[in-house]
Amino acid sequence: LLSQFDPDNTGYISTEKFRSLLQRHSSELDPHKLEVLLALADSNSEGRICYQDFVNLMSNKRSNSFRQAILQGNRRLCSKALLEETGLSLSQRLIRHVAYETLPREIDRKWYYDSYTCCPPPWFMITITIVAFFLYNGVVLDRFVLQVSHPLYLKNALLYHPQLRAQAWRYLTYIFMHAGIEHLGLNVVLQLLVGVPLEMVHGAARISFVYVAGVVAGSLAVSVADMRAPVVGSSGGVYALVSAHLANIVMNWSGMKCQFKLLRMAVALICMSFEFGRAVWLRFHPSAYPPCPHPSFMAHLGGVMVGITLGVIILRNYEQRLQDQTLWWIFLSIYIIFVLFAIFWNIFAYSLLDLKLPPPP
């Protein structure tokens, strides 16, 4: 069959040959499978269908969500590209823009554009941003300031501190505290500009998983690799989302149709590098409030590692493929092993190494 319909061994079957194959064997196929396969042929605007997708469908290796996406996506999909649509309202143009910013395949963009209802809205990233801004400016400082660091951020129950590492909530809640208004501002801008569109496309469950996984990996990375330093800021979660998005663009470069993608990537990388460089400089700069050192920069690296592993698998395609599912379990297993290792490290390593930690705030 493969040699007949794919003589060049490209891994794809043309849409015309695919439809003729279905018509020839329609009486032998399960009606539901035939409906899904016909919908796949009708909704594919690239003129070809991945042979592996066909095999997966026939062998029941696709999830129900994939079948549902194909069937629902076939309702209103037209042959012309989304960019050729005219007479769109402002909200429709925004949805189309988000689709081209985040999705690498035209069929995925069309299905997203057709099915997105803004219900629920991207509440997760907006809520995280509002809470962080309120807690930092309202509760800690009680005013707006411009500064490099502020000693008052240490005196709260949210940041991670090595002496208080037994208080497990601090591995998460440190994201609501920042070392300065410029630290907060850059994280807020990045997570709104990148996180909100990603949540609009992939949903709160996936984006919150990547974000929280980056946050936890960030604080645990500090507890393992920079054991004397505190941690504040949402950089772990923000860097997980941004690095996953940038890696997704690079891996699907030809399919991504976002405007000025090279310039946008350069700006994002410059902003991330500036913030990371600032964090490294502060960490090794003499502390303004000894004996406690400045916050660690290892949370940034923990977030990046989550982004280019778990995050890439989640954001790579609007509909999962089998190889993505396999990689997902591999990377998830690695992440769980790292978390377990870090937990045991925190329980035993500090006492075995006899470290001299800064006093609690």
Protein backbone atom coordinates (compact mmCIF):
# COMPACT_ATOMS: atom_id res chain seq x y z
CA LEU A 1 0.00 0.00 0.00
CA LEU A 2 2.77 2.44 0.90
CA SER A 3 4.71 1.73 -2.29
CA GLN A 4 1.53 2.19 -4.35
CA PHE A 5 0.38 5.50 -2.92
CA ASP A 6 3.77 6.89 -1.83
CA PRO A 7 6.27 5.65 -4.47
CA ASP A 8 8.84 8.31 -3.53
CA ASN A 9 8.76 7.26 0.14
CA THR A 10 8.05 10.82 1.35
CA GLY A 11 5.78 9.73 4.18
CA TYR A 12 2.78 11.53 2.63
CA ILE A 13 -0.16 10.57 0.42
CA SER A 14 -1.79 13.09 -1.88
CA THR A 15 -5.36 14.07 -0.97
CA GLU A 16 -6.69 12.80 -4.32
CA LYS A 17 -5.13 9.36 -3.90
CA PHE A 18 -6.32 9.27 -0.30
CA ARG A 19 -9.94 9.94 -1.30
CA SER A 20 -9.79 7.32 -4.06
CA LEU A 21 -8.47 4.82 -1.52
CA LEU A 22 -11.36 5.58 0.82
CA GLN A 23 -13.96 5.26 -1.93
CA ARG A 24 -12.50 1.94 -3.03
CA HIS A 25 -12.61 0.43 0.46
CA SER A 26 -15.55 2.34 1.98
CA SER A 27 -17.69 -0.78 2.36
CA GLU A 28 -14.95 -2.47 4.40
CA LEU A 29 -14.44 0.40 6.86
CA ASP A 30 -16.20 1.12 10.10
CA PRO A 31 -18.70 3.98 9.43
CA HIS A 32 -17.24 6.14 12.21
CA LYS A 33 -13.69 5.65 10.94
CA LEU A 34 -14.81 6.42 7.40
CA GLU A 35 -16.44 9.66 8.62
CA VAL A 36 -13.25 10.74 10.39
CA LEU A 37 -11.04 9.85 7.42
CA LEU A 38 -13.29 11.76 4.99
CA ALA A 39 -13.25 14.76 7.32
CA LEU A 40 -9.45 14.59 7.42
CA ALA A 41 -9.31 14.57 3.62
CA ASP A 42 -11.80 17.44 3.28
CA SER A 43 -10.18 19.66 5.89
CA ASN A 44 -6.59 19.22 4.72
CA SER A 45 -5.55 22.26 2.73
CA GLU A 46 -1.94 21.19 2.15
CA GLY A 47 -2.79 18.76 -0.64
CA ARG A 48 -1.24 15.82 1.18
CA ILE A 49 -1.86 13.67 4.24
CA CYS A 50 0.74 12.13 6.50
CA TYR A 51 0.83 8.37 5.97
CA GLN A 52 1.53 7.82 9.67
CA ASP A 53 -1.60 9.80 10.57
CA PHE A 54 -3.60 7.46 8.36
CA VAL A 55 -2.04 4.37 9.98
CA ASN A 56 -2.67 5.76 13.47
CA LEU A 57 -6.31 6.46 12.69
CA MET A 58 -6.85 3.00 11.27
CA SER A 59 -5.15 1.32 14.23
CA ASN A 60 -7.13 3.26 16.86
CA LYS A 61 -3.96 4.87 18.21
CA ARG A 62 -5.41 8.35 18.00
CA SER A 63 -7.23 9.85 20.93
CA ASN A 64 -10.90 10.76 20.88
CA SER A 65 -9.91 14.42 21.12
CA PHE A 66 -8.05 14.12 17.80
CA ARG A 67 -11.04 12.51 16.09
CA GLN A 68 -13.30 15.17 17.55
CA ALA A 69 -10.98 17.93 16.33
CA ILE A 70 -11.04 16.54 12.79
CA LEU A 71 -14.80 16.18 12.74
CA GLN A 72 -15.54 19.56 14.27
CA GLY A 73 -12.85 21.27 12.26
CA ASN A 74 -14.49 20.12 9.06
CA ARG A 75 -17.67 22.08 9.77
CA ARG A 76 -16.70 25.45 8.34
CA LEU A 77 -13.14 25.13 7.10
CA CYS A 78 -12.66 26.64 3.65
CA SER A 79 -9.89 26.01 1.15
CA LYS A 80 -8.34 29.48 1.21
CA ALA A 81 -5.88 30.59 3.87
CA LEU A 82 -7.01 32.57 6.90
CA LEU A 83 -4.96 35.57 5.80
CA GLU A 84 -7.18 35.85 2.72
CA GLU A 85 -10.36 36.24 4.80
CA THR A 86 -11.87 39.72 4.52
CA GLY A 87 -14.48 41.69 6.43
CA LEU A 88 -13.39 40.41 9.84
CA SER A 89 -14.23 42.21 13.05
CA LEU A 90 -11.54 43.38 15.47
CA SER A 91 -11.98 40.30 17.70
CA GLN A 92 -11.82 37.97 14.69
CA ARG A 93 -8.61 39.62 13.50
CA LEU A 94 -7.15 39.21 17.00
CA ILE A 95 -8.01 35.49 17.03
CA ARG A 96 -6.50 35.08 13.56
CA HIS A 97 -3.37 36.92 14.70
CA VAL A 98 -3.02 34.64 17.75
CA ALA A 99 -3.44 31.57 15.51
CA TYR A 100 -0.61 32.67 13.22
CA GLU A 101 1.58 33.59 16.21
CA THR A 102 1.36 30.21 17.90
CA LEU A 103 0.38 27.43 15.46
CA PRO A 104 2.66 25.99 12.75
CA ARG A 105 0.10 24.33 10.43
CA GLU A 106 -2.67 25.98 8.43
CA ILE A 107 -5.19 23.27 9.24
CA ASP A 108 -4.55 23.82 12.97
CA ARG A 109 -4.93 27.59 12.57
CA LYS A 110 -8.21 27.18 10.72
CA TRP A 111 -9.68 24.81 13.27
CA TYR A 112 -8.64 27.07 16.13
CA TYR A 113 -10.08 30.15 14.42
CA ASP A 114 -13.33 28.31 13.72
CA SER A 115 -13.78 26.89 17.23
CA TYR A 116 -12.41 29.58 19.59
CA THR A 117 -15.15 31.24 21.64
CA CYS A 118 -13.13 33.04 24.37
CA CYS A 119 -15.03 30.97 26.93
CA PRO A 120 -13.27 30.59 29.25
CA PRO A 121 -10.95 33.58 28.73
CA PRO A 122 -7.19 33.31 29.43
CA TRP A 123 -7.77 33.70 33.15
CA PHE A 124 -4.69 31.88 34.49
CA MET A 125 -1.97 34.20 33.19
CA ILE A 126 -4.02 37.33 33.94
CA THR A 127 -4.75 36.17 37.51
CA ILE A 128 -1.10 35.27 38.20
CA THR A 129 0.01 38.67 36.92
CA ILE A 130 -2.55 40.66 38.94
CA VAL A 131 -1.79 38.75 42.15
CA ALA A 132 1.98 39.20 41.75
CA PHE A 133 1.63 42.91 41.03
CA PHE A 134 -0.76 43.47 43.94
CA LEU A 135 1.25 41.53 46.51
CA TYR A 136 4.54 43.13 45.58
CA ASN A 137 3.42 46.75 45.39
CA GLY A 138 0.50 46.71 47.81
CA VAL A 139 1.45 44.32 50.58
CA VAL A 140 5.25 44.46 50.65
CA LEU A 141 6.17 47.99 49.63
CA ASP A 142 2.91 49.91 50.00
CA ARG A 143 4.13 52.23 47.26
CA PHE A 144 5.61 52.34 43.77
CA VAL A 145 9.40 52.50 43.70
CA LEU A 146 12.21 52.21 41.16
CA GLN A 147 15.14 50.27 42.52
CA VAL A 148 17.58 47.42 42.02
CA SER A 149 16.59 45.59 45.19
CA HIS A 150 14.63 46.14 48.35
CA PRO A 151 15.39 44.41 51.68
CA LEU A 152 11.71 44.31 52.67
CA TYR A 153 11.02 41.56 50.15
CA LEU A 154 12.84 39.12 52.47
CA LYS A 155 10.43 39.67 55.35
CA ASN A 156 7.40 37.74 54.10
CA ALA A 157 6.07 34.20 54.16
CA LEU A 158 6.14 33.70 50.38
CA LEU A 159 9.74 33.76 49.14
CA TYR A 160 12.02 30.73 49.12
CA HIS A 161 14.80 30.88 51.71
CA PRO A 162 17.26 28.02 52.32
CA GLN A 163 16.71 28.15 56.08
CA LEU A 164 12.96 27.80 55.57
CA ARG A 165 13.01 25.14 52.84
CA ALA A 166 10.93 22.76 54.98
CA GLN A 167 7.94 25.07 54.37
CA ALA A 168 6.90 23.44 51.11
CA TRP A 169 4.60 26.23 49.88
CA ARG A 170 7.62 28.51 49.41
CA TYR A 171 8.72 26.43 46.38
CA LEU A 172 5.65 27.85 44.61
CA THR A 173 4.72 31.12 46.28
CA TYR A 174 8.10 32.77 45.71
CA ILE A 175 6.81 33.80 42.26
CA PHE A 176 4.66 36.50 43.85
CA MET A 177 7.65 38.35 45.32
CA HIS A 178 10.22 40.27 43.25
CA ALA A 179 13.51 41.95 44.06
CA GLY A 180 12.52 45.24 42.45
CA ILE A 181 9.91 46.96 40.30
CA GLU A 182 12.03 46.47 37.18
CA HIS A 183 12.29 42.74 37.97
CA LEU A 184 8.52 42.56 38.32
CA GLY A 185 7.89 44.69 35.23
CA LEU A 186 9.92 42.56 32.82
CA ASN A 187 8.36 39.32 34.04
CA VAL A 188 4.86 40.80 33.79
CA VAL A 189 5.45 42.00 30.22
CA LEU A 190 6.86 38.66 29.07
CA GLN A 191 4.15 36.51 30.62
CA LEU A 192 1.36 38.71 29.28
CA LEU A 193 2.77 39.04 25.74
CA VAL A 194 3.63 35.34 25.45
CA GLY A 195 1.51 33.57 28.07
CA VAL A 196 -1.90 35.04 27.21
CA PRO A 197 -1.84 34.09 23.48
CA LEU A 198 -0.53 30.63 24.35
CA GLU A 199 -3.32 30.15 26.88
CA MET A 200 -5.90 31.31 24.33
CA VAL A 201 -4.76 28.52 21.99
CA HIS A 202 -3.73 25.69 24.29
CA GLY A 203 -5.99 26.33 27.27
CA ALA A 204 -5.39 27.06 30.94
CA ALA A 205 -4.68 23.42 31.88
CA ARG A 206 -1.68 22.99 29.55
CA ILE A 207 -0.24 26.45 30.08
CA SER A 208 -0.62 26.32 33.85
CA PHE A 209 1.11 22.92 33.87
CA VAL A 210 4.11 24.27 31.95
CA TYR A 211 4.19 27.40 34.09
CA VAL A 212 3.94 25.62 37.45
CA ALA A 213 6.40 22.92 36.35
CA GLY A 214 8.89 25.69 35.48
CA VAL A 215 8.29 27.39 38.83
CA VAL A 216 8.88 24.20 40.83
CA ALA A 217 11.92 23.25 38.73
CA GLY A 218 13.32 26.74 39.30
CA SER A 219 13.16 26.65 43.10
CA LEU A 220 14.38 23.05 43.26
CA ALA A 221 17.28 23.89 40.93
CA VAL A 222 18.29 26.66 43.34
CA SER A 223 18.04 24.32 46.34
CA VAL A 224 20.39 21.86 44.59
CA ALA A 225 22.85 24.10 42.72
CA ASP A 226 22.86 27.38 44.70
CA MET A 227 22.10 26.19 48.20
CA ARG A 228 22.80 29.38 50.15
CA ALA A 229 20.64 31.79 48.12
CA PRO A 230 16.98 32.81 48.39
CA VAL A 231 14.67 32.95 45.36
CA VAL A 232 12.06 35.47 44.29
CA GLY A 233 10.31 36.25 41.02
CA SER A 234 8.26 34.39 38.44
CA SER A 235 11.18 33.91 36.05
CA GLY A 236 11.03 30.09 36.31
CA GLY A 237 7.48 29.96 34.97
CA VAL A 238 7.95 32.82 32.51
CA TYR A 239 11.13 31.34 31.03
CA ALA A 240 9.43 27.94 30.71
CA LEU A 241 6.65 29.45 28.56
CA VAL A 242 8.90 31.74 26.50
CA SER A 243 11.55 29.09 25.81
CA ALA A 244 8.87 26.54 24.84
CA HIS A 245 7.31 29.05 22.44
CA LEU A 246 10.64 30.07 20.89
CA ALA A 247 11.73 26.44 20.52
CA ASN A 248 8.40 25.65 18.87
CA ILE A 249 8.96 28.47 16.36
CA VAL A 250 12.47 27.24 15.56
CA MET A 251 11.36 23.62 15.14
CA ASN A 252 8.49 24.64 12.86
CA TRP A 253 10.21 27.59 11.18
CA SER A 254 8.81 27.06 7.69
CA GLY A 255 5.25 26.61 8.93
CA MET A 256 5.16 29.56 11.34
CA LYS A 257 3.65 32.54 9.55
CA CYS A 258 3.91 35.14 12.33
CA GLN A 259 5.05 38.54 11.12
CA PHE A 260 8.65 39.60 11.77
CA LYS A 261 9.33 36.27 13.53
CA LEU A 262 13.10 36.71 13.35
CA LEU A 263 12.92 40.21 14.84
CA ARG A 264 10.46 39.09 17.50
CA MET A 265 12.68 36.17 18.48
CA ALA A 266 15.68 38.48 18.67
CA VAL A 267 13.83 40.95 20.92
CA ALA A 268 12.60 38.14 23.20
CA LEU A 269 16.08 36.66 23.48
CA ILE A 270 17.61 40.07 24.18
CA CYS A 271 15.07 40.77 26.95
CA MET A 272 15.60 37.34 28.48
CA SER A 273 19.38 37.66 28.25
CA PHE A 274 19.30 41.13 29.81
CA GLU A 275 17.17 39.95 32.73
CA PHE A 276 19.26 36.80 33.20
CA GLY A 277 22.51 38.78 33.02
CA ARG A 278 21.17 41.22 35.58
CA ALA A 279 20.26 38.31 37.88
CA VAL A 280 23.77 36.80 37.54
CA TRP A 281 25.41 40.17 38.23
CA LEU A 282 23.24 40.72 41.31
CA ARG A 283 23.90 37.24 42.66
CA PHE A 284 27.66 37.77 42.76
CA HIS A 285 27.49 41.46 43.67
CA PRO A 286 28.05 42.31 47.35
CA SER A 287 24.74 42.09 49.15
CA ALA A 288 23.00 45.27 50.24
CA TYR A 289 21.56 43.41 53.22
CA PRO A 290 24.22 41.00 54.55
CA PRO A 291 24.55 38.24 55.54
CA CYS A 292 21.81 37.12 53.13
CA PRO A 293 23.01 37.07 49.49
CA HIS A 294 21.07 38.40 46.53
CA PRO A 295 18.48 36.05 44.94
CA SER A 296 19.74 33.16 42.83
CA PHE A 297 19.57 33.06 39.02
CA MET A 298 19.27 29.25 38.82
CA ALA A 299 15.47 29.46 38.66
CA HIS A 300 15.82 30.93 35.16
CA LEU A 301 17.77 27.88 33.99
CA GLY A 302 15.30 25.48 35.59
CA GLY A 303 12.46 27.18 33.72
CA VAL A 304 14.31 27.00 30.41
CA MET A 305 14.95 23.28 30.82
CA VAL A 306 11.25 22.65 31.45
CA GLY A 307 10.32 24.81 28.48
CA ILE A 308 12.50 23.02 25.93
CA THR A 309 11.39 19.57 27.12
CA LEU A 310 7.86 19.33 28.51
CA GLY A 311 6.83 22.70 27.11
CA VAL A 312 7.86 21.95 23.53
CA ILE A 313 5.89 18.69 23.51
CA ILE A 314 2.76 20.44 24.77
CA LEU A 315 3.00 23.38 22.36
CA ARG A 316 4.42 21.64 19.28
CA ASN A 317 1.11 20.87 17.59
CA TYR A 318 -2.52 21.71 18.16
CA GLU A 319 -3.25 17.99 17.86
CA GLN A 320 -0.84 15.51 19.45
CA ARG A 321 1.06 12.94 17.43
CA LEU A 322 2.16 9.56 18.63
CA GLN A 323 5.85 10.42 18.75
CA ASP A 324 4.96 13.49 20.84
CA GLN A 325 3.08 11.28 23.31
CA THR A 326 6.12 9.01 23.67
CA LEU A 327 8.46 11.98 24.23
CA TRP A 328 5.94 13.43 26.66
CA TRP A 329 6.18 10.38 28.92
CA ILE A 330 9.98 10.32 28.63
CA PHE A 331 10.35 13.99 29.60
CA LEU A 332 7.69 13.71 32.31
CA SER A 333 9.56 10.75 33.82
CA ILE A 334 12.82 12.73 33.76
CA TYR A 335 11.08 15.68 35.44
CA ILE A 336 9.60 13.45 38.17
CA ILE A 337 13.00 11.84 38.79
CA PHE A 338 14.56 15.31 39.13
CA VAL A 339 11.86 16.41 41.60
CA LEU A 340 12.33 13.27 43.72
CA PHE A 341 16.12 13.70 43.64
CA ALA A 342 15.79 17.35 44.72
CA ILE A 343 13.46 16.41 47.57
CA PHE A 344 15.92 13.86 48.95
CA TRP A 345 18.75 16.34 48.37
CA ASN A 346 16.93 18.93 50.48
CA ILE A 347 16.30 16.41 53.23
CA PHE A 348 19.84 15.01 53.55
CA ALA A 349 22.44 17.05 51.64
CA TYR A 350 22.30 20.25 53.68
CA SER A 351 23.13 18.46 56.94
CA LEU A 352 25.71 16.14 55.33
CA LEU A 353 27.56 19.03 53.68
CA ASP A 354 27.41 21.09 56.89
CA LEU A 355 26.71 24.30 54.99
CA LYS A 356 26.78 27.66 56.70
CA LEU A 357 23.44 29.14 55.64
CA PRO A 358 22.37 32.77 56.08
CA PRO A 359 20.04 33.31 59.06
CA PRO A 360 16.31 33.35 58.37
CA PRO A 361 14.82 36.80 57.68
